[in-house]
Amino acid sequence: MLILIFLLVFINLQKGFSETEINGIDALKMAKCYMDAFYQKPPSIPRNDIVAMEETLNPHLAFSEQIDNCLMDIEAIVMFILPKTYRPYN
């Protein structure tokens, strides 16, 4: 997910700083969405004893349930940015 955010920012920066309007708040919202979804509970590190499956799977399930919301938020930000930056006739 962080790679996706980086690529999104990098692609927009290739168009030039004057045409790019990536807001730091938007980038923080995307990062927070990812962190909230993935790091709700620290992942378990299997040891010699038996680790409860629920405890191990919770972070992965939380992330998979929230990934669609994160992607929709990113898409909404991109749709907001593109009309301002896309100028085919300039």
Protein backbone atom coordinates (compact mmCIF):
# COMPACT_ATOMS: atom_id res chain seq x y z
CA MET A 1 0.00 0.00 0.00
CA LEU A 2 2.79 2.39 0.83
CA ILE A 3 4.31 1.61 -2.57
CA LEU A 4 0.99 2.55 -4.20
CA ILE A 5 0.96 5.87 -2.33
CA PHE A 6 4.56 6.53 -3.36
CA LEU A 7 3.81 5.76 -7.02
CA LEU A 8 0.75 8.00 -6.93
CA VAL A 9 2.82 10.90 -5.62
CA PHE A 10 5.76 10.15 -7.94
CA ILE A 11 3.58 10.05 -11.07
CA ASN A 12 2.02 13.38 -10.20
CA LEU A 13 5.40 14.95 -9.47
CA GLN A 14 6.60 13.97 -12.94
CA LYS A 15 4.12 16.49 -14.39
CA GLY A 16 5.91 19.38 -12.71
CA PHE A 17 5.54 21.10 -9.39
CA SER A 18 3.46 23.96 -10.78
CA GLU A 19 0.74 21.61 -12.02
CA THR A 20 0.79 19.25 -9.06
CA GLU A 21 -1.52 19.85 -6.15
CA ILE A 22 -0.86 16.95 -3.84
CA ASN A 23 -1.88 18.00 -0.40
CA GLY A 24 0.16 16.73 2.52
CA ILE A 25 -3.07 16.20 4.43
CA ASP A 26 -4.30 13.83 1.70
CA ALA A 27 -1.07 11.84 1.88
CA LEU A 28 -1.41 11.63 5.66
CA LYS A 29 -5.02 10.45 5.32
CA MET A 30 -3.92 7.63 3.00
CA ALA A 31 -1.07 6.63 5.30
CA LYS A 32 -3.34 6.75 8.36
CA CYS A 33 -5.94 4.61 6.61
CA TYR A 34 -3.30 2.00 5.84
CA MET A 35 -1.83 2.08 9.34
CA ASP A 36 -5.24 1.91 11.02
CA ALA A 37 -6.26 -1.06 8.90
CA PHE A 38 -3.07 -3.08 9.16
CA TYR A 39 -1.73 -2.32 12.61
CA GLN A 40 -4.87 -2.59 14.73
CA LYS A 41 -3.25 -5.35 16.73
CA PRO A 42 0.42 -6.36 16.79
CA PRO A 43 0.97 -9.54 14.79
CA SER A 44 1.83 -12.65 16.72
CA ILE A 45 5.21 -14.24 16.28
CA PRO A 46 4.84 -18.02 16.44
CA ARG A 47 6.94 -19.56 19.17
CA ASN A 48 7.45 -23.12 20.31
CA ASP A 49 4.03 -23.13 21.96
CA ILE A 50 0.68 -23.01 20.16
CA VAL A 51 -0.47 -19.53 19.11
CA ALA A 52 -4.20 -18.99 18.75
CA MET A 53 -5.19 -18.75 15.08
CA GLU A 54 -7.52 -15.82 15.77
CA GLU A 55 -4.72 -13.82 17.36
CA THR A 56 -2.45 -14.43 14.37
CA LEU A 57 -5.07 -13.72 11.69
CA ASN A 58 -6.69 -10.60 13.20
CA PRO A 59 -4.27 -8.05 11.68
CA HIS A 60 -4.53 -9.66 8.25
CA LEU A 61 -8.33 -9.83 8.39
CA ALA A 62 -8.57 -6.23 9.59
CA PHE A 63 -6.38 -5.11 6.70
CA SER A 64 -8.30 -7.09 4.08
CA GLU A 65 -11.62 -5.70 5.34
CA GLN A 66 -10.35 -2.12 5.12
CA ILE A 67 -8.28 -2.23 1.93
CA ASP A 68 -11.31 -1.44 -0.26
CA ASN A 69 -12.05 1.67 1.80
CA CYS A 70 -8.43 2.78 1.54
CA LEU A 71 -8.42 2.25 -2.23
CA MET A 72 -11.68 4.19 -2.64
CA ASP A 73 -10.21 7.08 -0.61
CA ILE A 74 -7.12 7.09 -2.83
CA GLU A 75 -9.28 6.98 -5.96
CA ALA A 76 -11.34 9.92 -4.68
CA ILE A 77 -8.17 11.93 -4.08
CA VAL A 78 -6.84 11.05 -7.55
CA MET A 79 -10.14 12.04 -9.18
CA PHE A 80 -9.96 15.35 -7.30
CA ILE A 81 -6.36 16.00 -8.40
CA LEU A 82 -6.50 14.88 -12.04
CA PRO A 83 -8.96 17.46 -13.43
CA LYS A 84 -6.69 20.25 -12.20
CA THR A 85 -3.44 18.71 -13.43
CA TYR A 86 -4.50 17.13 -16.71
CA ARG A 87 -4.14 19.73 -19.45
CA PRO A 88 -3.75 18.00 -22.82
CA TYR A 89 -3.73 21.19 -24.94
CA ASN A 90 -1.18 23.27 -22.98
